[in-house]
Amino acid sequence: MENYKKSINDMSWCGLVSLAIAQQNGDCGFNAMQENKFLSMWLHSAYKQKRFPKAIAPDLEHLMKIAKSKGQFAQLKSLLNELYQNAE
């Protein structure tokens, strides 16, 4: 269970840091629509490239489904923040 929490923590932290770097570099805007689009693509890439342990693959799939069904209203940044804070 501890490894699972660490993996979730790592994944959510990496997503949030990637978003912040993209925003700092001008590759992503600061509005919710642009953040959701960036994080949706980031989650998809992370899943396809198997960047994280297999144990959290269902979590990545779930986040991708939320992104696909809710689009700009998915609030992916908030979801990743919650995962990061709850996994600590």
PDB file of N, CA and C in Angstrom:
ATOM      1  N   MET A   1       0.825  -1.191   0.000  1.00  0.00           N
ATOM      2  CA  MET A   1       0.000   0.000   0.000  1.00  0.00           C
ATOM      3  C   MET A   1       0.871   1.258   0.000  1.00  0.00           C
ATOM      4  N   GLU A   2       1.967   1.210   0.708  1.00  0.00           N
ATOM      5  CA  GLU A   2       2.862   2.369   0.786  1.00  0.00           C
ATOM      6  C   GLU A   2       3.467   2.686  -0.588  1.00  0.00           C
ATOM      7  N   ASN A   3       3.835   1.645  -1.347  1.00  0.00           N
ATOM      8  CA  ASN A   3       4.385   1.864  -2.691  1.00  0.00           C
ATOM      9  C   ASN A   3       3.341   2.468  -3.617  1.00  0.00           C
ATOM     10  N   TYR A   4       2.086   2.023  -3.459  1.00  0.00           N
ATOM     11  CA  TYR A   4       1.001   2.557  -4.279  1.00  0.00           C
ATOM     12  C   TYR A   4       0.834   4.054  -4.005  1.00  0.00           C
ATOM     13  N   LYS A   5       0.805   4.428  -2.733  1.00  0.00           N
ATOM     14  CA  LYS A   5       0.659   5.847  -2.375  1.00  0.00           C
ATOM     15  C   LYS A   5       1.817   6.670  -2.916  1.00  0.00           C
ATOM     16  N   LYS A   6       3.023   6.131  -2.825  1.00  0.00           N
ATOM     17  CA  LYS A   6       4.194   6.843  -3.336  1.00  0.00           C
ATOM     18  C   LYS A   6       4.091   7.014  -4.852  1.00  0.00           C
ATOM     19  N   SER A   7       3.633   5.983  -5.547  1.00  0.00           N
ATOM     20  CA  SER A   7       3.488   6.057  -7.001  1.00  0.00           C
ATOM     21  C   SER A   7       2.446   7.089  -7.408  1.00  0.00           C
ATOM     22  N   ILE A   8       1.323   7.125  -6.686  1.00  0.00           N
ATOM     23  CA  ILE A   8       0.284   8.122  -6.957  1.00  0.00           C
ATOM     24  C   ILE A   8       0.825   9.526  -6.686  1.00  0.00           C
ATOM     25  N   ASN A   9       1.549   9.648  -5.586  1.00  0.00           N
ATOM     26  CA  ASN A   9       2.149  10.928  -5.222  1.00  0.00           C
ATOM     27  C   ASN A   9       3.121  11.374  -6.310  1.00  0.00           C
ATOM     28  N   ASP A  10       3.982  10.475  -6.750  1.00  0.00           N
ATOM     29  CA  ASP A  10       4.975  10.794  -7.788  1.00  0.00           C
ATOM     30  C   ASP A  10       4.297  11.198  -9.095  1.00  0.00           C
ATOM     31  N   MET A  11       3.281  10.437  -9.496  1.00  0.00           N
ATOM     32  CA  MET A  11       2.589  10.707 -10.749  1.00  0.00           C
ATOM     33  C   MET A  11       1.919  12.075 -10.715  1.00  0.00           C
ATOM     34  N   SER A  12       1.202  12.350  -9.639  1.00  0.00           N
ATOM     35  CA  SER A  12       0.489  13.626  -9.561  1.00  0.00           C
ATOM     36  C   SER A  12       1.476  14.803  -9.492  1.00  0.00           C
ATOM     37  N   TRP A  13       2.557  14.624  -8.742  1.00  0.00           N
ATOM     38  CA  TRP A  13       3.578  15.673  -8.648  1.00  0.00           C
ATOM     39  C   TRP A  13       4.193  15.937 -10.022  1.00  0.00           C
ATOM     40  N   CYS A  14       4.522  14.882 -10.745  1.00  0.00           N
ATOM     41  CA  CYS A  14       5.120  15.032 -12.081  1.00  0.00           C
ATOM     42  C   CYS A  14       4.177  15.757 -13.037  1.00  0.00           C
ATOM     43  N   GLY A  15       2.893  15.427 -12.978  1.00  0.00           N
ATOM     44  CA  GLY A  15       1.919  16.101 -13.831  1.00  0.00           C
ATOM     45  C   GLY A  15       1.830  17.583 -13.518  1.00  0.00           C
ATOM     46  N   LEU A  16       1.771  17.908 -12.236  1.00  0.00           N
ATOM     47  CA  LEU A  16       1.668  19.316 -11.829  1.00  0.00           C
ATOM     48  C   LEU A  16       2.930  20.094 -12.171  1.00  0.00           C
ATOM     49  N   VAL A  17       4.088  19.481 -11.989  1.00  0.00           N
ATOM     50  CA  VAL A  17       5.355  20.151 -12.329  1.00  0.00           C
ATOM     51  C   VAL A  17       5.472  20.330 -13.840  1.00  0.00           C
ATOM     52  N   SER A  18       5.073  19.321 -14.600  1.00  0.00           N
ATOM     53  CA  SER A  18       5.104  19.441 -16.067  1.00  0.00           C
ATOM     54  C   SER A  18       4.221  20.582 -16.536  1.00  0.00           C
ATOM     55  N   LEU A  19       3.055  20.709 -15.923  1.00  0.00           N
ATOM     56  CA  LEU A  19       2.152  21.809 -16.269  1.00  0.00           C
ATOM     57  C   LEU A  19       2.796  23.156 -15.939  1.00  0.00           C
ATOM     58  N   ALA A  20       3.373  23.265 -14.762  1.00  0.00           N
ATOM     59  CA  ALA A  20       3.995  24.527 -14.349  1.00  0.00           C
ATOM     60  C   ALA A  20       5.152  24.906 -15.279  1.00  0.00           C
ATOM     61  N   ILE A  21       5.950  23.935 -15.674  1.00  0.00           N
ATOM     62  CA  ILE A  21       7.066  24.201 -16.584  1.00  0.00           C
ATOM     63  C   ILE A  21       6.544  24.635 -17.952  1.00  0.00           C
ATOM     64  N   ALA A  22       5.512  23.949 -18.441  1.00  0.00           N
ATOM     65  CA  ALA A  22       4.939  24.308 -19.741  1.00  0.00           C
ATOM     66  C   ALA A  22       4.363  25.721 -19.702  1.00  0.00           C
ATOM     67  N   GLN A  23       3.744  26.081 -18.591  1.00  0.00           N
ATOM     68  CA  GLN A  23       3.204  27.435 -18.465  1.00  0.00           C
ATOM     69  C   GLN A  23       4.326  28.466 -18.402  1.00  0.00           C
ATOM     70  N   GLN A  24       5.372  28.144 -17.681  1.00  0.00           N
ATOM     71  CA  GLN A  24       6.512  29.056 -17.563  1.00  0.00           C
ATOM     72  C   GLN A  24       7.193  29.260 -18.916  1.00  0.00           C
ATOM     73  N   ASN A  25       7.241  28.203 -19.723  1.00  0.00           N
ATOM     74  CA  ASN A  25       7.883  28.277 -21.041  1.00  0.00           C
ATOM     75  C   ASN A  25       6.970  28.869 -22.110  1.00  0.00           C
ATOM     76  N   GLY A  26       5.707  29.096 -21.759  1.00  0.00           N
ATOM     77  CA  GLY A  26       4.763  29.628 -22.726  1.00  0.00           C
ATOM     78  C   GLY A  26       4.133  28.571 -23.612  1.00  0.00           C
ATOM     79  N   ASP A  27       4.323  27.298 -23.288  1.00  0.00           N
ATOM     80  CA  ASP A  27       3.753  26.211 -24.080  1.00  0.00           C
ATOM     81  C   ASP A  27       2.314  25.905 -23.687  1.00  0.00           C
ATOM     82  N   CYS A  28       1.859  26.451 -22.577  1.00  0.00           N
ATOM     83  CA  CYS A  28       0.500  26.227 -22.090  1.00  0.00           C
ATOM     84  C   CYS A  28       0.028  27.494 -21.386  1.00  0.00           C
ATOM     85  N   GLY A  29      -1.220  27.824 -21.614  1.00  0.00           N
ATOM     86  CA  GLY A  29      -1.789  28.996 -20.961  1.00  0.00           C
ATOM     87  C   GLY A  29      -2.198  28.688 -19.531  1.00  0.00           C
ATOM     88  N   PHE A  30      -2.775  29.673 -18.883  1.00  0.00           N
ATOM     89  CA  PHE A  30      -3.140  29.544 -17.476  1.00  0.00           C
ATOM     90  C   PHE A  30      -4.640  29.353 -17.252  1.00  0.00           C
ATOM     91  N   ASN A  31      -5.428  29.314 -18.320  1.00  0.00           N
ATOM     92  CA  ASN A  31      -6.859  29.111 -18.104  1.00  0.00           C
ATOM     93  C   ASN A  31      -7.168  27.618 -18.021  1.00  0.00           C
ATOM     94  N   ALA A  32      -8.323  27.301 -17.468  1.00  0.00           N
ATOM     95  CA  ALA A  32      -8.692  25.904 -17.189  1.00  0.00           C
ATOM     96  C   ALA A  32      -8.719  25.043 -18.451  1.00  0.00           C
ATOM     97  N   MET A  33      -9.189  25.602 -19.555  1.00  0.00           N
ATOM     98  CA  MET A  33      -9.279  24.828 -20.789  1.00  0.00           C
ATOM     99  C   MET A  33      -7.887  24.394 -21.265  1.00  0.00           C
ATOM    100  N   GLN A  34      -6.949  25.331 -21.263  1.00  0.00           N
ATOM    101  CA  GLN A  34      -5.596  25.008 -21.716  1.00  0.00           C
ATOM    102  C   GLN A  34      -4.903  24.047 -20.749  1.00  0.00           C
ATOM    103  N   GLU A  35      -5.111  24.240 -19.448  1.00  0.00           N
ATOM    104  CA  GLU A  35      -4.519  23.329 -18.457  1.00  0.00           C
ATOM    105  C   GLU A  35      -5.067  21.917 -18.622  1.00  0.00           C
ATOM    106  N   ASN A  36      -6.381  21.797 -18.826  1.00  0.00           N
ATOM    107  CA  ASN A  36      -6.980  20.474 -19.009  1.00  0.00           C
ATOM    108  C   ASN A  36      -6.476  19.797 -20.274  1.00  0.00           C
ATOM    109  N   LYS A  37      -6.341  20.568 -21.332  1.00  0.00           N
ATOM    110  CA  LYS A  37      -5.833  20.000 -22.591  1.00  0.00           C
ATOM    111  C   LYS A  37      -4.405  19.489 -22.401  1.00  0.00           C
ATOM    112  N   PHE A  38      -3.563  20.307 -21.777  1.00  0.00           N
ATOM    113  CA  PHE A  38      -2.175  19.900 -21.545  1.00  0.00           C
ATOM    114  C   PHE A  38      -2.118  18.648 -20.672  1.00  0.00           C
ATOM    115  N   LEU A  39      -2.842  18.667 -19.547  1.00  0.00           N
ATOM    116  CA  LEU A  39      -2.787  17.527 -18.622  1.00  0.00           C
ATOM    117  C   LEU A  39      -3.396  16.269 -19.233  1.00  0.00           C
ATOM    118  N   SER A  40      -4.402  16.426 -20.054  1.00  0.00           N
ATOM    119  CA  SER A  40      -4.993  15.286 -20.743  1.00  0.00           C
ATOM    120  C   SER A  40      -3.960  14.624 -21.656  1.00  0.00           C
ATOM    121  N   MET A  41      -3.250  15.443 -22.414  1.00  0.00           N
ATOM    122  CA  MET A  41      -2.202  14.906 -23.300  1.00  0.00           C
ATOM    123  C   MET A  41      -1.060  14.307 -22.480  1.00  0.00           C
ATOM    124  N   TRP A  42      -0.718  14.948 -21.360  1.00  0.00           N
ATOM    125  CA  TRP A  42       0.352  14.451 -20.505  1.00  0.00           C
ATOM    126  C   TRP A  42      -0.021  13.088 -19.922  1.00  0.00           C
ATOM    127  N   LEU A  43      -1.249  12.951 -19.432  1.00  0.00           N
ATOM    128  CA  LEU A  43      -1.707  11.672 -18.878  1.00  0.00           C
ATOM    129  C   LEU A  43      -1.680  10.579 -19.939  1.00  0.00           C
ATOM    130  N   HIS A  44      -2.134  10.917 -21.126  1.00  0.00           N
ATOM    131  CA  HIS A  44      -2.140   9.946 -22.224  1.00  0.00           C
ATOM    132  C   HIS A  44      -0.719   9.484 -22.550  1.00  0.00           C
ATOM    133  N   SER A  45       0.202  10.431 -22.633  1.00  0.00           N
ATOM    134  CA  SER A  45       1.607  10.082 -22.915  1.00  0.00           C
ATOM    135  C   SER A  45       2.204   9.244 -21.786  1.00  0.00           C
ATOM    136  N   ALA A  46       1.932   9.639 -20.549  1.00  0.00           N
ATOM    137  CA  ALA A  46       2.461   8.894 -19.396  1.00  0.00           C
ATOM    138  C   ALA A  46       1.953   7.467 -19.398  1.00  0.00           C
ATOM    139  N   TYR A  47       0.696   7.286 -19.753  1.00  0.00           N
ATOM    140  CA  TYR A  47       0.100   5.947 -19.796  1.00  0.00           C
ATOM    141  C   TYR A  47       0.701   5.119 -20.930  1.00  0.00           C
ATOM    142  N   LYS A  48       0.744   5.688 -22.110  1.00  0.00           N
ATOM    143  CA  LYS A  48       1.264   4.965 -23.287  1.00  0.00           C
ATOM    144  C   LYS A  48       2.746   4.618 -23.142  1.00  0.00           C
ATOM    145  N   GLN A  49       3.519   5.529 -22.554  1.00  0.00           N
ATOM    146  CA  GLN A  49       4.956   5.302 -22.399  1.00  0.00           C
ATOM    147  C   GLN A  49       5.289   4.503 -21.142  1.00  0.00           C
ATOM    148  N   LYS A  50       4.280   4.171 -20.360  1.00  0.00           N
ATOM    149  CA  LYS A  50       4.448   3.386 -19.127  1.00  0.00           C
ATOM    150  C   LYS A  50       5.489   4.030 -18.205  1.00  0.00           C
ATOM    151  N   ARG A  51       5.300   5.319 -17.952  1.00  0.00           N
ATOM    152  CA  ARG A  51       6.234   6.080 -17.116  1.00  0.00           C
ATOM    153  C   ARG A  51       6.130   5.730 -15.635  1.00  0.00           C
ATOM    154  N   PHE A  52       4.989   5.157 -15.249  1.00  0.00           N
ATOM    155  CA  PHE A  52       4.741   4.882 -13.833  1.00  0.00           C
ATOM    156  C   PHE A  52       4.408   3.410 -13.636  1.00  0.00           C
ATOM    157  N   PRO A  53       4.498   2.926 -12.389  1.00  0.00           N
ATOM    158  CA  PRO A  53       4.248   1.507 -12.126  1.00  0.00           C
ATOM    159  C   PRO A  53       2.857   1.052 -12.591  1.00  0.00           C
ATOM    160  N   LYS A  54       2.791  -0.215 -12.923  1.00  0.00           N
ATOM    161  CA  LYS A  54       1.559  -0.811 -13.420  1.00  0.00           C
ATOM    162  C   LYS A  54       0.416  -0.705 -12.414  1.00  0.00           C
ATOM    163  N   ALA A  55       0.749  -0.620 -11.149  1.00  0.00           N
ATOM    164  CA  ALA A  55      -0.268  -0.560 -10.093  1.00  0.00           C
ATOM    165  C   ALA A  55      -1.165   0.666 -10.212  1.00  0.00           C
ATOM    166  N   ILE A  56      -0.664   1.738 -10.794  1.00  0.00           N
ATOM    167  CA  ILE A  56      -1.490   2.942 -10.902  1.00  0.00           C
ATOM    168  C   ILE A  56      -2.058   3.139 -12.310  1.00  0.00           C
ATOM    169  N   ALA A  57      -1.866   2.164 -13.185  1.00  0.00           N
ATOM    170  CA  ALA A  57      -2.433   2.254 -14.535  1.00  0.00           C
ATOM    171  C   ALA A  57      -3.946   2.475 -14.506  1.00  0.00           C
ATOM    172  N   PRO A  58      -4.690   1.784 -13.622  1.00  0.00           N
ATOM    173  CA  PRO A  58      -6.141   2.050 -13.566  1.00  0.00           C
ATOM    174  C   PRO A  58      -6.465   3.501 -13.177  1.00  0.00           C
ATOM    175  N   ASP A  59      -5.647   4.085 -12.336  1.00  0.00           N
ATOM    176  CA  ASP A  59      -5.854   5.481 -11.952  1.00  0.00           C
ATOM    177  C   ASP A  59      -5.619   6.413 -13.142  1.00  0.00           C
ATOM    178  N   LEU A  60      -4.579   6.129 -13.907  1.00  0.00           N
ATOM    179  CA  LEU A  60      -4.314   6.921 -15.113  1.00  0.00           C
ATOM    180  C   LEU A  60      -5.468   6.775 -16.104  1.00  0.00           C
ATOM    181  N   GLU A  61      -5.957   5.549 -16.273  1.00  0.00           N
ATOM    182  CA  GLU A  61      -7.082   5.306 -17.178  1.00  0.00           C
ATOM    183  C   GLU A  61      -8.314   6.082 -16.727  1.00  0.00           C
ATOM    184  N   HIS A  62      -8.558   6.079 -15.430  1.00  0.00           N
ATOM    185  CA  HIS A  62      -9.715   6.796 -14.888  1.00  0.00           C
ATOM    186  C   HIS A  62      -9.596   8.299 -15.135  1.00  0.00           C
ATOM    187  N   LEU A  63      -8.427   8.848 -14.900  1.00  0.00           N
ATOM    188  CA  LEU A  63      -8.214  10.274 -15.151  1.00  0.00           C
ATOM    189  C   LEU A  63      -8.377  10.608 -16.636  1.00  0.00           C
ATOM    190  N   MET A  64      -7.910   9.722 -17.507  1.00  0.00           N
ATOM    191  CA  MET A  64      -8.063   9.953 -18.946  1.00  0.00           C
ATOM    192  C   MET A  64      -9.535   9.897 -19.352  1.00  0.00           C
ATOM    193  N   LYS A  65     -10.308   9.003 -18.731  1.00  0.00           N
ATOM    194  CA  LYS A  65     -11.744   8.931 -19.022  1.00  0.00           C
ATOM    195  C   LYS A  65     -12.452  10.206 -18.572  1.00  0.00           C
ATOM    196  N   ILE A  66     -12.074  10.709 -17.406  1.00  0.00           N
ATOM    197  CA  ILE A  66     -12.647  11.973 -16.926  1.00  0.00           C
ATOM    198  C   ILE A  66     -12.323  13.092 -17.906  1.00  0.00           C
ATOM    199  N   ALA A  67     -11.078  13.146 -18.335  1.00  0.00           N
ATOM    200  CA  ALA A  67     -10.653  14.188 -19.281  1.00  0.00           C
ATOM    201  C   ALA A  67     -11.438  14.096 -20.579  1.00  0.00           C
ATOM    202  N   LYS A  68     -11.641  12.878 -21.058  1.00  0.00           N
ATOM    203  CA  LYS A  68     -12.343  12.687 -22.326  1.00  0.00           C
ATOM    204  C   LYS A  68     -13.829  13.033 -22.200  1.00  0.00           C
ATOM    205  N   SER A  69     -14.450  12.645 -21.106  1.00  0.00           N
ATOM    206  CA  SER A  69     -15.887  12.866 -20.971  1.00  0.00           C
ATOM    207  C   SER A  69     -16.241  14.300 -20.583  1.00  0.00           C
ATOM    208  N   LYS A  70     -15.409  14.948 -19.790  1.00  0.00           N
ATOM    209  CA  LYS A  70     -15.737  16.289 -19.310  1.00  0.00           C
ATOM    210  C   LYS A  70     -15.012  17.403 -20.051  1.00  0.00           C
ATOM    211  N   GLY A  71     -13.991  17.060 -20.823  1.00  0.00           N
ATOM    212  CA  GLY A  71     -13.277  18.055 -21.613  1.00  0.00           C
ATOM    213  C   GLY A  71     -12.708  19.180 -20.763  1.00  0.00           C
ATOM    214  N   GLN A  72     -13.045  20.408 -21.140  1.00  0.00           N
ATOM    215  CA  GLN A  72     -12.480  21.571 -20.446  1.00  0.00           C
ATOM    216  C   GLN A  72     -12.978  21.707 -19.012  1.00  0.00           C
ATOM    217  N   PHE A  73     -14.004  20.944 -18.651  1.00  0.00           N
ATOM    218  CA  PHE A  73     -14.554  21.019 -17.297  1.00  0.00           C
ATOM    219  C   PHE A  73     -14.054  19.885 -16.401  1.00  0.00           C
ATOM    220  N   ALA A  74     -13.031  19.178 -16.834  1.00  0.00           N
ATOM    221  CA  ALA A  74     -12.525  18.016 -16.098  1.00  0.00           C
ATOM    222  C   ALA A  74     -11.819  18.382 -14.798  1.00  0.00           C
ATOM    223  N   GLN A  75     -11.310  19.577 -14.692  1.00  0.00           N
ATOM    224  CA  GLN A  75     -10.595  20.039 -13.499  1.00  0.00           C
ATOM    225  C   GLN A  75      -9.442  19.096 -13.127  1.00  0.00           C
ATOM    226  N   LEU A  76      -8.654  18.726 -14.121  1.00  0.00           N
ATOM    227  CA  LEU A  76      -7.556  17.787 -13.913  1.00  0.00           C
ATOM    228  C   LEU A  76      -6.508  18.325 -12.943  1.00  0.00           C
ATOM    229  N   LYS A  77      -6.248  19.613 -13.008  1.00  0.00           N
ATOM    230  CA  LYS A  77      -5.259  20.197 -12.097  1.00  0.00           C
ATOM    231  C   LYS A  77      -5.720  20.015 -10.650  1.00  0.00           C
ATOM    232  N   SER A  78      -6.977  20.260 -10.388  1.00  0.00           N
ATOM    233  CA  SER A  78      -7.517  20.078  -9.029  1.00  0.00           C
ATOM    234  C   SER A  78      -7.472  18.618  -8.613  1.00  0.00           C
ATOM    235  N   LEU A  79      -7.795  17.726  -9.531  1.00  0.00           N
ATOM    236  CA  LEU A  79      -7.755  16.292  -9.219  1.00  0.00           C
ATOM    237  C   LEU A  79      -6.333  15.838  -8.886  1.00  0.00           C
ATOM    238  N   LEU A  80      -5.361  16.305  -9.663  1.00  0.00           N
ATOM    239  CA  LEU A  80      -3.973  15.940  -9.384  1.00  0.00           C
ATOM    240  C   LEU A  80      -3.506  16.536  -8.062  1.00  0.00           C
ATOM    241  N   ASN A  81      -3.939  17.762  -7.768  1.00  0.00           N
ATOM    242  CA  ASN A  81      -3.613  18.368  -6.473  1.00  0.00           C
ATOM    243  C   ASN A  81      -4.177  17.539  -5.322  1.00  0.00           C
ATOM    244  N   GLU A  82      -5.421  17.086  -5.459  1.00  0.00           N
ATOM    245  CA  GLU A  82      -6.031  16.255  -4.422  1.00  0.00           C
ATOM    246  C   GLU A  82      -5.278  14.945  -4.250  1.00  0.00           C
ATOM    247  N   LEU A  83      -4.956  14.317  -5.371  1.00  0.00           N
ATOM    248  CA  LEU A  83      -4.204  13.057  -5.294  1.00  0.00           C
ATOM    249  C   LEU A  83      -2.862  13.266  -4.613  1.00  0.00           C
ATOM    250  N   TYR A  84      -2.201  14.358  -4.957  1.00  0.00           N
ATOM    251  CA  TYR A  84      -0.893  14.652  -4.380  1.00  0.00           C
ATOM    252  C   TYR A  84      -1.010  14.865  -2.863  1.00  0.00           C
ATOM    253  N   GLN A  85      -1.986  15.638  -2.443  1.00  0.00           N
ATOM    254  CA  GLN A  85      -2.137  15.944  -1.021  1.00  0.00           C
ATOM    255  C   GLN A  85      -2.618  14.745  -0.218  1.00  0.00           C
ATOM    256  N   ASN A  86      -3.485  13.925  -0.809  1.00  0.00           N
ATOM    257  CA  ASN A  86      -4.008  12.761  -0.082  1.00  0.00           C
ATOM    258  C   ASN A  86      -3.037  11.601  -0.028  1.00  0.00           C
ATOM    259  N   ALA A  87      -2.072  11.575  -0.935  1.00  0.00           N
ATOM    260  CA  ALA A  87      -1.121  10.466  -0.965  1.00  0.00           C
ATOM    261  C   ALA A  87       0.039  10.676   0.001  1.00  0.00           C
ATOM    262  N   GLU A  88       0.166  11.886   0.520  1.00  0.00           N
ATOM    263  CA  GLU A  88       1.299  12.178   1.427  1.00  0.00           C
ATOM    264  C   GLU A  88       1.105  11.485   2.755  1.00  0.00           C
TER     265      GLU A  88
END
